[in-house]
Amino acid sequence: MRSSACIIFMDEFYFIMPTLFMMCGLPGSGKTTLAKRLEISENALRLCPDEWIAKILADPADTAEMDRLRDEIESIQWEVGKRSLVLGINIILENGFWSHEERSRFRAEAEALGARVQIHYLKADINELWRRLSIRNANLPSGTFVVRREELESWMKLFDPPTEDELS
């Protein structure tokens, strides 16, 4: 199914392809900050898993339940996102996109719907990430969770940064 928004101007048709913006990076890298800017500048629907999880998670310390909810919510958000792309609406996903396989799958699915894809990789070294997270942990904004240094260190080992080809 191909999609694009159709605009008629002075009896001429213009097709505008929607864009999937994928926020790629670890916690504290600035994904939500950039996504909020893009939400306004690109007139896009922003979908942030942490914000949805925070609304339904009874105990923020229950990491097993948080992980279970994350999988479910990211799946629901992607269904909403795909339908929105079909309708010609720009989408921002803040999933983090830690693996090449995940980024490739989302790209292929969005392109099959007729959308463009932009991956925004927010890179920061572990010291900078921890500095930002320490500040955030001290005064948690709504829709965020405490991140411990040990978690960040283990996640750094799991994260597969995008290649230049993925970003072009």
N, C-alpha and C. Protein backbone atom coordinates (compact mmCIF):
# COMPACT_ATOMS: atom_id res chain seq x y z
N MET A 1 0.84 -1.16 0.00
CA MET A 1 0.00 0.00 0.00
C MET A 1 0.89 1.24 0.00
N ARG A 2 0.78 2.07 -1.00
CA ARG A 2 1.55 3.31 -1.09
C ARG A 2 0.69 4.45 -0.55
N SER A 3 1.32 5.43 0.03
CA SER A 3 0.55 6.54 0.57
C SER A 3 1.27 7.85 0.37
N SER A 4 0.49 8.87 0.28
CA SER A 4 1.01 10.23 0.30
C SER A 4 -0.18 11.16 0.42
N ALA A 5 0.07 12.31 0.98
CA ALA A 5 -0.99 13.30 1.07
C ALA A 5 -1.09 14.00 -0.27
N CYS A 6 -2.28 14.28 -0.70
CA CYS A 6 -2.51 14.94 -1.98
C CYS A 6 -2.98 16.36 -1.70
N ILE A 7 -2.33 17.30 -2.34
CA ILE A 7 -2.72 18.70 -2.22
C ILE A 7 -3.07 19.19 -3.63
N ILE A 8 -4.22 19.82 -3.75
CA ILE A 8 -4.62 20.39 -5.02
C ILE A 8 -4.45 21.91 -4.91
N PHE A 9 -3.65 22.46 -5.80
CA PHE A 9 -3.40 23.89 -5.80
C PHE A 9 -3.51 24.38 -7.24
N MET A 10 -4.48 25.24 -7.49
CA MET A 10 -4.71 25.80 -8.83
C MET A 10 -4.81 24.69 -9.87
N ASP A 11 -5.66 23.70 -9.57
CA ASP A 11 -5.94 22.57 -10.46
C ASP A 11 -4.74 21.68 -10.76
N GLU A 12 -3.69 21.76 -9.94
CA GLU A 12 -2.55 20.87 -10.09
C GLU A 12 -2.44 20.02 -8.83
N PHE A 13 -2.07 18.78 -9.01
CA PHE A 13 -1.93 17.86 -7.89
C PHE A 13 -0.48 17.82 -7.44
N TYR A 14 -0.28 17.87 -6.12
CA TYR A 14 1.04 17.74 -5.52
C TYR A 14 0.96 16.63 -4.48
N PHE A 15 1.88 15.71 -4.54
CA PHE A 15 1.89 14.63 -3.57
C PHE A 15 3.02 14.84 -2.58
N ILE A 16 2.68 14.73 -1.32
CA ILE A 16 3.66 14.90 -0.25
C ILE A 16 3.79 13.58 0.47
N MET A 17 4.97 13.02 0.45
CA MET A 17 5.20 11.76 1.14
C MET A 17 5.41 12.01 2.62
N PRO A 18 4.76 11.22 3.46
CA PRO A 18 5.02 11.36 4.90
C PRO A 18 6.41 10.84 5.24
N THR A 19 6.89 11.23 6.41
CA THR A 19 8.23 10.82 6.85
C THR A 19 8.14 10.13 8.21
N LEU A 20 8.87 9.03 8.32
CA LEU A 20 9.09 8.37 9.61
C LEU A 20 10.43 8.87 10.13
N PHE A 21 10.41 9.53 11.27
CA PHE A 21 11.62 9.99 11.94
C PHE A 21 11.93 8.99 13.05
N MET A 22 13.08 8.33 12.97
CA MET A 22 13.48 7.34 13.96
C MET A 22 14.56 7.94 14.85
N MET A 23 14.26 8.06 16.16
CA MET A 23 15.22 8.60 17.12
C MET A 23 16.08 7.44 17.62
N CYS A 24 17.36 7.50 17.31
CA CYS A 24 18.28 6.42 17.60
C CYS A 24 19.31 6.89 18.63
N GLY A 25 19.41 6.16 19.75
CA GLY A 25 20.40 6.50 20.76
C GLY A 25 20.03 5.91 22.11
N LEU A 26 20.94 6.01 23.02
CA LEU A 26 20.75 5.50 24.37
C LEU A 26 20.03 6.52 25.25
N PRO A 27 19.56 6.09 26.43
CA PRO A 27 18.95 7.05 27.36
C PRO A 27 19.92 8.19 27.67
N GLY A 28 19.37 9.40 27.67
CA GLY A 28 20.19 10.57 27.98
C GLY A 28 20.86 11.19 26.76
N SER A 29 20.66 10.58 25.59
CA SER A 29 21.33 11.10 24.40
C SER A 29 20.64 12.31 23.80
N GLY A 30 19.39 12.55 24.18
CA GLY A 30 18.67 13.72 23.67
C GLY A 30 17.56 13.39 22.69
N LYS A 31 17.14 12.13 22.66
CA LYS A 31 16.10 11.72 21.72
C LYS A 31 14.80 12.51 21.89
N THR A 32 14.33 12.60 23.11
CA THR A 32 13.06 13.28 23.35
C THR A 32 13.18 14.78 23.09
N THR A 33 14.30 15.37 23.45
CA THR A 33 14.50 16.80 23.20
C THR A 33 14.41 17.09 21.71
N LEU A 34 15.12 16.30 20.89
CA LEU A 34 15.06 16.50 19.44
C LEU A 34 13.68 16.16 18.91
N ALA A 35 13.09 15.08 19.40
CA ALA A 35 11.76 14.67 18.91
C ALA A 35 10.71 15.76 19.15
N LYS A 36 10.79 16.44 20.29
CA LYS A 36 9.83 17.51 20.57
C LYS A 36 10.02 18.68 19.61
N ARG A 37 11.25 18.95 19.22
CA ARG A 37 11.49 20.01 18.24
C ARG A 37 10.95 19.61 16.87
N LEU A 38 11.22 18.37 16.48
CA LEU A 38 10.73 17.88 15.18
C LEU A 38 9.21 17.81 15.15
N GLU A 39 8.62 17.47 16.28
CA GLU A 39 7.16 17.39 16.37
C GLU A 39 6.53 18.70 15.90
N ILE A 40 7.15 19.80 16.26
CA ILE A 40 6.63 21.13 15.88
C ILE A 40 7.08 21.50 14.46
N SER A 41 8.37 21.39 14.19
CA SER A 41 8.89 21.86 12.90
C SER A 41 8.41 21.01 11.72
N GLU A 42 8.14 19.72 11.98
CA GLU A 42 7.74 18.82 10.89
C GLU A 42 6.26 18.45 10.96
N ASN A 43 5.53 19.07 11.87
CA ASN A 43 4.10 18.79 12.03
C ASN A 43 3.87 17.28 12.12
N ALA A 44 4.50 16.66 13.09
CA ALA A 44 4.52 15.21 13.20
C ALA A 44 3.87 14.71 14.49
N LEU A 45 3.40 13.49 14.43
CA LEU A 45 2.89 12.79 15.61
C LEU A 45 4.07 12.13 16.30
N ARG A 46 4.32 12.50 17.55
CA ARG A 46 5.45 11.97 18.32
C ARG A 46 4.96 10.85 19.22
N LEU A 47 5.61 9.69 19.11
CA LEU A 47 5.25 8.53 19.92
C LEU A 47 6.44 8.11 20.77
N CYS A 48 6.32 8.30 22.09
CA CYS A 48 7.39 8.03 23.03
C CYS A 48 6.97 6.89 23.96
N PRO A 49 7.58 5.72 23.85
CA PRO A 49 7.18 4.59 24.70
C PRO A 49 7.23 4.90 26.20
N ASP A 50 8.28 5.58 26.66
CA ASP A 50 8.40 5.86 28.10
C ASP A 50 7.22 6.66 28.64
N GLU A 51 6.72 7.59 27.85
CA GLU A 51 5.59 8.40 28.31
C GLU A 51 4.33 7.56 28.49
N TRP A 52 4.12 6.61 27.61
CA TRP A 52 2.95 5.72 27.73
C TRP A 52 3.14 4.74 28.89
N ILE A 53 4.35 4.18 29.00
CA ILE A 53 4.64 3.23 30.08
C ILE A 53 4.43 3.90 31.43
N ALA A 54 4.90 5.13 31.58
CA ALA A 54 4.79 5.85 32.85
C ALA A 54 3.33 6.01 33.29
N LYS A 55 2.43 6.09 32.34
CA LYS A 55 1.02 6.28 32.67
C LYS A 55 0.36 5.01 33.20
N ILE A 56 0.92 3.84 32.89
CA ILE A 56 0.26 2.60 33.29
C ILE A 56 1.08 1.70 34.22
N LEU A 57 2.36 1.99 34.38
CA LEU A 57 3.21 1.17 35.23
C LEU A 57 2.96 1.50 36.70
N ALA A 58 2.53 0.50 37.45
CA ALA A 58 2.20 0.73 38.87
C ALA A 58 3.45 1.01 39.71
N ASP A 59 4.53 0.26 39.46
CA ASP A 59 5.75 0.39 40.25
C ASP A 59 6.94 0.64 39.33
N PRO A 60 7.46 1.86 39.28
CA PRO A 60 8.59 2.17 38.39
C PRO A 60 9.84 1.34 38.66
N ALA A 61 9.93 0.71 39.82
CA ALA A 61 11.08 -0.14 40.13
C ALA A 61 10.93 -1.56 39.55
N ASP A 62 9.75 -1.88 39.04
CA ASP A 62 9.48 -3.21 38.49
C ASP A 62 9.98 -3.28 37.05
N THR A 63 11.27 -3.58 36.89
CA THR A 63 11.88 -3.55 35.56
C THR A 63 11.36 -4.67 34.65
N ALA A 64 10.98 -5.79 35.22
CA ALA A 64 10.43 -6.87 34.40
C ALA A 64 9.11 -6.43 33.76
N GLU A 65 8.26 -5.81 34.55
CA GLU A 65 6.99 -5.32 34.01
C GLU A 65 7.23 -4.17 33.03
N MET A 66 8.20 -3.32 33.33
CA MET A 66 8.52 -2.23 32.41
C MET A 66 8.95 -2.77 31.06
N ASP A 67 9.80 -3.80 31.06
CA ASP A 67 10.27 -4.41 29.81
C ASP A 67 9.11 -5.05 29.05
N ARG A 68 8.22 -5.72 29.78
CA ARG A 68 7.06 -6.35 29.15
C ARG A 68 6.17 -5.28 28.50
N LEU A 69 5.91 -4.22 29.25
CA LEU A 69 5.08 -3.14 28.71
C LEU A 69 5.75 -2.46 27.51
N ARG A 70 7.07 -2.30 27.58
CA ARG A 70 7.78 -1.63 26.48
C ARG A 70 7.54 -2.37 25.17
N ASP A 71 7.68 -3.67 25.17
CA ASP A 71 7.45 -4.44 23.94
C ASP A 71 6.03 -4.24 23.42
N GLU A 72 5.05 -4.31 24.31
CA GLU A 72 3.65 -4.15 23.91
C GLU A 72 3.38 -2.74 23.41
N ILE A 73 3.85 -1.75 24.12
CA ILE A 73 3.58 -0.36 23.75
C ILE A 73 4.29 0.01 22.45
N GLU A 74 5.54 -0.42 22.29
CA GLU A 74 6.23 -0.12 21.03
C GLU A 74 5.50 -0.75 19.85
N SER A 75 4.94 -1.93 20.05
CA SER A 75 4.17 -2.60 19.01
C SER A 75 2.89 -1.81 18.68
N ILE A 76 2.18 -1.39 19.71
CA ILE A 76 0.95 -0.60 19.50
C ILE A 76 1.29 0.73 18.83
N GLN A 77 2.34 1.39 19.30
CA GLN A 77 2.72 2.66 18.71
C GLN A 77 3.10 2.50 17.23
N TRP A 78 3.75 1.41 16.89
CA TRP A 78 4.11 1.20 15.49
C TRP A 78 2.86 0.96 14.63
N GLU A 79 1.86 0.27 15.17
CA GLU A 79 0.60 0.09 14.44
C GLU A 79 -0.05 1.46 14.20
N VAL A 80 -0.10 2.30 15.22
CA VAL A 80 -0.63 3.66 15.08
C VAL A 80 0.22 4.44 14.07
N GLY A 81 1.53 4.29 14.17
CA GLY A 81 2.44 4.99 13.27
C GLY A 81 2.25 4.58 11.82
N LYS A 82 2.12 3.29 11.56
CA LYS A 82 1.93 2.83 10.18
C LYS A 82 0.62 3.37 9.61
N ARG A 83 -0.44 3.32 10.40
CA ARG A 83 -1.73 3.85 9.92
C ARG A 83 -1.61 5.34 9.65
N SER A 84 -0.90 6.05 10.50
CA SER A 84 -0.71 7.49 10.31
C SER A 84 0.08 7.78 9.04
N LEU A 85 1.12 7.00 8.77
CA LEU A 85 1.88 7.18 7.54
C LEU A 85 0.99 6.98 6.31
N VAL A 86 0.14 5.97 6.36
CA VAL A 86 -0.79 5.72 5.25
C VAL A 86 -1.70 6.94 5.04
N LEU A 87 -2.05 7.61 6.13
CA LEU A 87 -2.90 8.79 6.04
C LEU A 87 -2.12 10.06 5.67
N GLY A 88 -0.80 9.92 5.50
CA GLY A 88 0.02 11.06 5.10
C GLY A 88 0.55 11.89 6.25
N ILE A 89 0.55 11.33 7.45
CA ILE A 89 0.99 12.05 8.66
C ILE A 89 2.44 11.67 8.98
N ASN A 90 3.28 12.66 9.23
CA ASN A 90 4.65 12.41 9.67
C ASN A 90 4.64 11.79 11.06
N ILE A 91 5.55 10.86 11.32
CA ILE A 91 5.61 10.13 12.60
C ILE A 91 7.02 10.22 13.16
N ILE A 92 7.10 10.35 14.47
CA ILE A 92 8.39 10.30 15.18
C ILE A 92 8.30 9.15 16.18
N LEU A 93 9.21 8.21 16.07
CA LEU A 93 9.30 7.11 17.03
C LEU A 93 10.56 7.28 17.86
N GLU A 94 10.38 7.25 19.19
CA GLU A 94 11.51 7.44 20.12
C GLU A 94 11.97 6.12 20.72
N ASN A 95 11.92 5.05 19.98
CA ASN A 95 12.24 3.72 20.50
C ASN A 95 13.71 3.52 20.85
N GLY A 96 14.58 4.34 20.32
CA GLY A 96 16.01 4.18 20.56
C GLY A 96 16.70 3.43 19.44
N PHE A 97 16.02 2.42 18.88
CA PHE A 97 16.52 1.66 17.73
C PHE A 97 17.96 1.24 17.92
N TRP A 98 18.17 0.31 18.86
CA TRP A 98 19.51 -0.11 19.26
C TRP A 98 20.18 -1.07 18.30
N SER A 99 19.44 -1.72 17.40
CA SER A 99 20.06 -2.71 16.52
C SER A 99 19.84 -2.38 15.05
N HIS A 100 20.78 -2.81 14.25
CA HIS A 100 20.68 -2.64 12.80
C HIS A 100 19.43 -3.35 12.27
N GLU A 101 19.18 -4.53 12.77
CA GLU A 101 18.03 -5.31 12.30
C GLU A 101 16.71 -4.57 12.56
N GLU A 102 16.58 -3.99 13.74
CA GLU A 102 15.36 -3.25 14.07
C GLU A 102 15.22 -2.03 13.16
N ARG A 103 16.29 -1.29 12.98
CA ARG A 103 16.24 -0.11 12.11
C ARG A 103 15.88 -0.50 10.68
N SER A 104 16.46 -1.59 10.20
CA SER A 104 16.18 -2.05 8.83
C SER A 104 14.73 -2.47 8.66
N ARG A 105 14.20 -3.16 9.66
CA ARG A 105 12.81 -3.63 9.59
C ARG A 105 11.84 -2.44 9.55
N PHE A 106 12.04 -1.47 10.43
CA PHE A 106 11.15 -0.31 10.45
C PHE A 106 11.28 0.49 9.15
N ARG A 107 12.50 0.65 8.66
CA ARG A 107 12.71 1.37 7.41
C ARG A 107 11.96 0.68 6.27
N ALA A 108 12.13 -0.62 6.14
CA ALA A 108 11.49 -1.37 5.06
C ALA A 108 9.97 -1.27 5.14
N GLU A 109 9.42 -1.41 6.34
CA GLU A 109 7.97 -1.33 6.48
C GLU A 109 7.45 0.07 6.15
N ALA A 110 8.15 1.10 6.58
CA ALA A 110 7.72 2.48 6.29
C ALA A 110 7.83 2.77 4.79
N GLU A 111 8.92 2.36 4.18
CA GLU A 111 9.09 2.60 2.75
C GLU A 111 8.05 1.84 1.94
N ALA A 112 7.68 0.64 2.38
CA ALA A 112 6.63 -0.12 1.70
C ALA A 112 5.29 0.60 1.75
N LEU A 113 5.11 1.46 2.73
CA LEU A 113 3.89 2.26 2.85
C LEU A 113 3.99 3.58 2.07
N GLY A 114 5.12 3.81 1.44
CA GLY A 114 5.31 5.02 0.66
C GLY A 114 5.92 6.17 1.43
N ALA A 115 6.45 5.91 2.59
CA ALA A 115 7.02 6.97 3.42
C ALA A 115 8.52 7.09 3.21
N ARG A 116 9.02 8.29 3.48
CA ARG A 116 10.46 8.50 3.58
C ARG A 116 10.87 8.13 5.00
N VAL A 117 12.16 7.89 5.20
CA VAL A 117 12.66 7.55 6.53
C VAL A 117 13.90 8.38 6.82
N GLN A 118 13.93 8.96 8.02
CA GLN A 118 15.12 9.67 8.49
C GLN A 118 15.49 9.08 9.85
N ILE A 119 16.73 8.63 9.94
CA ILE A 119 17.25 8.16 11.23
C ILE A 119 18.07 9.29 11.82
N HIS A 120 17.71 9.68 13.04
CA HIS A 120 18.46 10.72 13.76
C HIS A 120 19.23 10.02 14.87
N TYR A 121 20.54 9.94 14.70
CA TYR A 121 21.40 9.27 15.68
C TYR A 121 21.97 10.31 16.62
N LEU A 122 21.66 10.16 17.89
CA LEU A 122 22.14 11.08 18.92
C LEU A 122 23.25 10.37 19.69
N LYS A 123 24.46 10.75 19.37
CA LYS A 123 25.64 10.08 19.90
C LYS A 123 26.22 10.86 21.07
N ALA A 124 26.57 10.15 22.12
CA ALA A 124 27.26 10.74 23.26
C ALA A 124 28.05 9.64 23.95
N ASP A 125 29.20 9.98 24.49
CA ASP A 125 29.99 8.97 25.19
C ASP A 125 29.35 8.68 26.56
N ILE A 126 29.81 7.62 27.19
CA ILE A 126 29.18 7.17 28.43
C ILE A 126 29.27 8.22 29.54
N ASN A 127 30.36 8.96 29.60
CA ASN A 127 30.49 10.00 30.64
C ASN A 127 29.47 11.11 30.46
N GLU A 128 29.28 11.52 29.21
CA GLU A 128 28.29 12.56 28.93
C GLU A 128 26.87 12.04 29.18
N LEU A 129 26.59 10.82 28.76
CA LEU A 129 25.27 10.23 29.02
C LEU A 129 25.00 10.16 30.52
N TRP A 130 26.00 9.70 31.28
CA TRP A 130 25.81 9.59 32.72
C TRP A 130 25.64 10.96 33.38
N ARG A 131 26.36 11.96 32.90
CA ARG A 131 26.21 13.31 33.43
C ARG A 131 24.77 13.79 33.24
N ARG A 132 24.25 13.62 32.03
CA ARG A 132 22.88 14.04 31.74
C ARG A 132 21.86 13.24 32.55
N LEU A 133 22.08 11.93 32.63
CA LEU A 133 21.14 11.08 33.36
C LEU A 133 21.16 11.37 34.86
N SER A 134 22.32 11.70 35.40
CA SER A 134 22.40 12.06 36.82
C SER A 134 21.56 13.29 37.12
N ILE A 135 21.62 14.25 36.24
CA ILE A 135 20.80 15.45 36.40
C ILE A 135 19.32 15.09 36.28
N ARG A 136 18.99 14.30 35.28
CA ARG A 136 17.59 13.89 35.08
C ARG A 136 17.09 13.06 36.25
N ASN A 137 17.92 12.12 36.74
CA ASN A 137 17.53 11.26 37.86
C ASN A 137 17.21 12.07 39.12
N ALA A 138 17.90 13.18 39.31
CA ALA A 138 17.72 13.99 40.51
C ALA A 138 16.38 14.72 40.52
N ASN A 139 15.81 14.92 39.34
CA ASN A 139 14.52 15.63 39.23
C ASN A 139 13.78 15.08 38.02
N LEU A 140 13.23 13.87 38.18
CA LEU A 140 12.65 13.15 37.06
C LEU A 140 11.48 13.90 36.42
N PRO A 141 11.62 14.20 35.13
CA PRO A 141 10.48 14.75 34.41
C PRO A 141 9.41 13.68 34.23
N SER A 142 8.19 14.11 34.01
CA SER A 142 7.10 13.18 33.75
C SER A 142 7.44 12.33 32.53
N GLY A 143 7.10 11.05 32.59
CA GLY A 143 7.32 10.16 31.46
C GLY A 143 8.74 9.63 31.35
N THR A 144 9.54 9.76 32.42
CA THR A 144 10.90 9.22 32.41
C THR A 144 11.10 8.34 33.64
N PHE A 145 12.19 7.59 33.63
CA PHE A 145 12.49 6.67 34.71
C PHE A 145 13.94 6.83 35.15
N VAL A 146 14.21 6.47 36.39
CA VAL A 146 15.58 6.48 36.89
C VAL A 146 16.40 5.46 36.10
N VAL A 147 17.60 5.87 35.71
CA VAL A 147 18.55 4.97 35.05
C VAL A 147 19.78 4.91 35.93
N ARG A 148 20.19 3.69 36.29
CA ARG A 148 21.38 3.50 37.11
C ARG A 148 22.62 3.37 36.21
N ARG A 149 23.77 3.72 36.75
CA ARG A 149 25.02 3.66 35.98
C ARG A 149 25.27 2.24 35.44
N GLU A 150 24.98 1.21 36.27
CA GLU A 150 25.20 -0.18 35.83
C GLU A 150 24.33 -0.52 34.62
N GLU A 151 23.10 -0.02 34.63
CA GLU A 151 22.21 -0.26 33.49
C GLU A 151 22.78 0.38 32.23
N LEU A 152 23.19 1.63 32.35
CA LEU A 152 23.75 2.34 31.21
C LEU A 152 24.97 1.61 30.65
N GLU A 153 25.85 1.15 31.54
CA GLU A 153 27.05 0.43 31.09
C GLU A 153 26.68 -0.86 30.35
N SER A 154 25.69 -1.58 30.84
CA SER A 154 25.30 -2.81 30.16
C SER A 154 24.61 -2.51 28.83
N TRP A 155 23.82 -1.44 28.79
CA TRP A 155 23.14 -1.07 27.55
C TRP A 155 24.14 -0.61 26.49
N MET A 156 25.21 0.05 26.91
CA MET A 156 26.23 0.49 25.96
C MET A 156 26.80 -0.72 25.19
N LYS A 157 26.93 -1.84 25.87
CA LYS A 157 27.47 -3.05 25.23
C LYS A 157 26.49 -3.64 24.23
N LEU A 158 25.19 -3.40 24.43
CA LEU A 158 24.16 -3.95 23.55
C LEU A 158 23.88 -3.05 22.34
N PHE A 159 24.22 -1.78 22.46
CA PHE A 159 23.87 -0.80 21.43
C PHE A 159 24.75 -0.97 20.20
N ASP A 160 24.11 -1.05 19.03
CA ASP A 160 24.80 -1.17 17.75
C ASP A 160 24.60 0.14 16.98
N PRO A 161 25.59 1.03 17.00
CA PRO A 161 25.42 2.34 16.34
C PRO A 161 25.12 2.18 14.85
N PRO A 162 24.33 3.10 14.31
CA PRO A 162 24.05 3.02 12.87
C PRO A 162 25.29 3.32 12.04
N THR A 163 25.33 2.73 10.87
CA THR A 163 26.42 2.97 9.93
C THR A 163 26.13 4.23 9.13
N GLU A 164 27.15 4.72 8.44
CA GLU A 164 26.96 5.89 7.56
C GLU A 164 25.89 5.59 6.51
N ASP A 165 25.87 4.37 5.99
CA ASP A 165 24.86 4.00 4.98
C ASP A 165 23.45 4.11 5.54
N GLU A 166 23.26 3.72 6.79
CA GLU A 166 21.94 3.80 7.39
C GLU A 166 21.49 5.25 7.55
N LEU A 167 22.43 6.14 7.80
CA LEU A 167 22.10 7.53 8.08
C LEU A 167 21.93 8.36 6.81
N SER A 168 22.36 7.83 5.67
CA SER A 168 22.26 8.62 4.42
C SER A 168 20.94 8.39 3.72
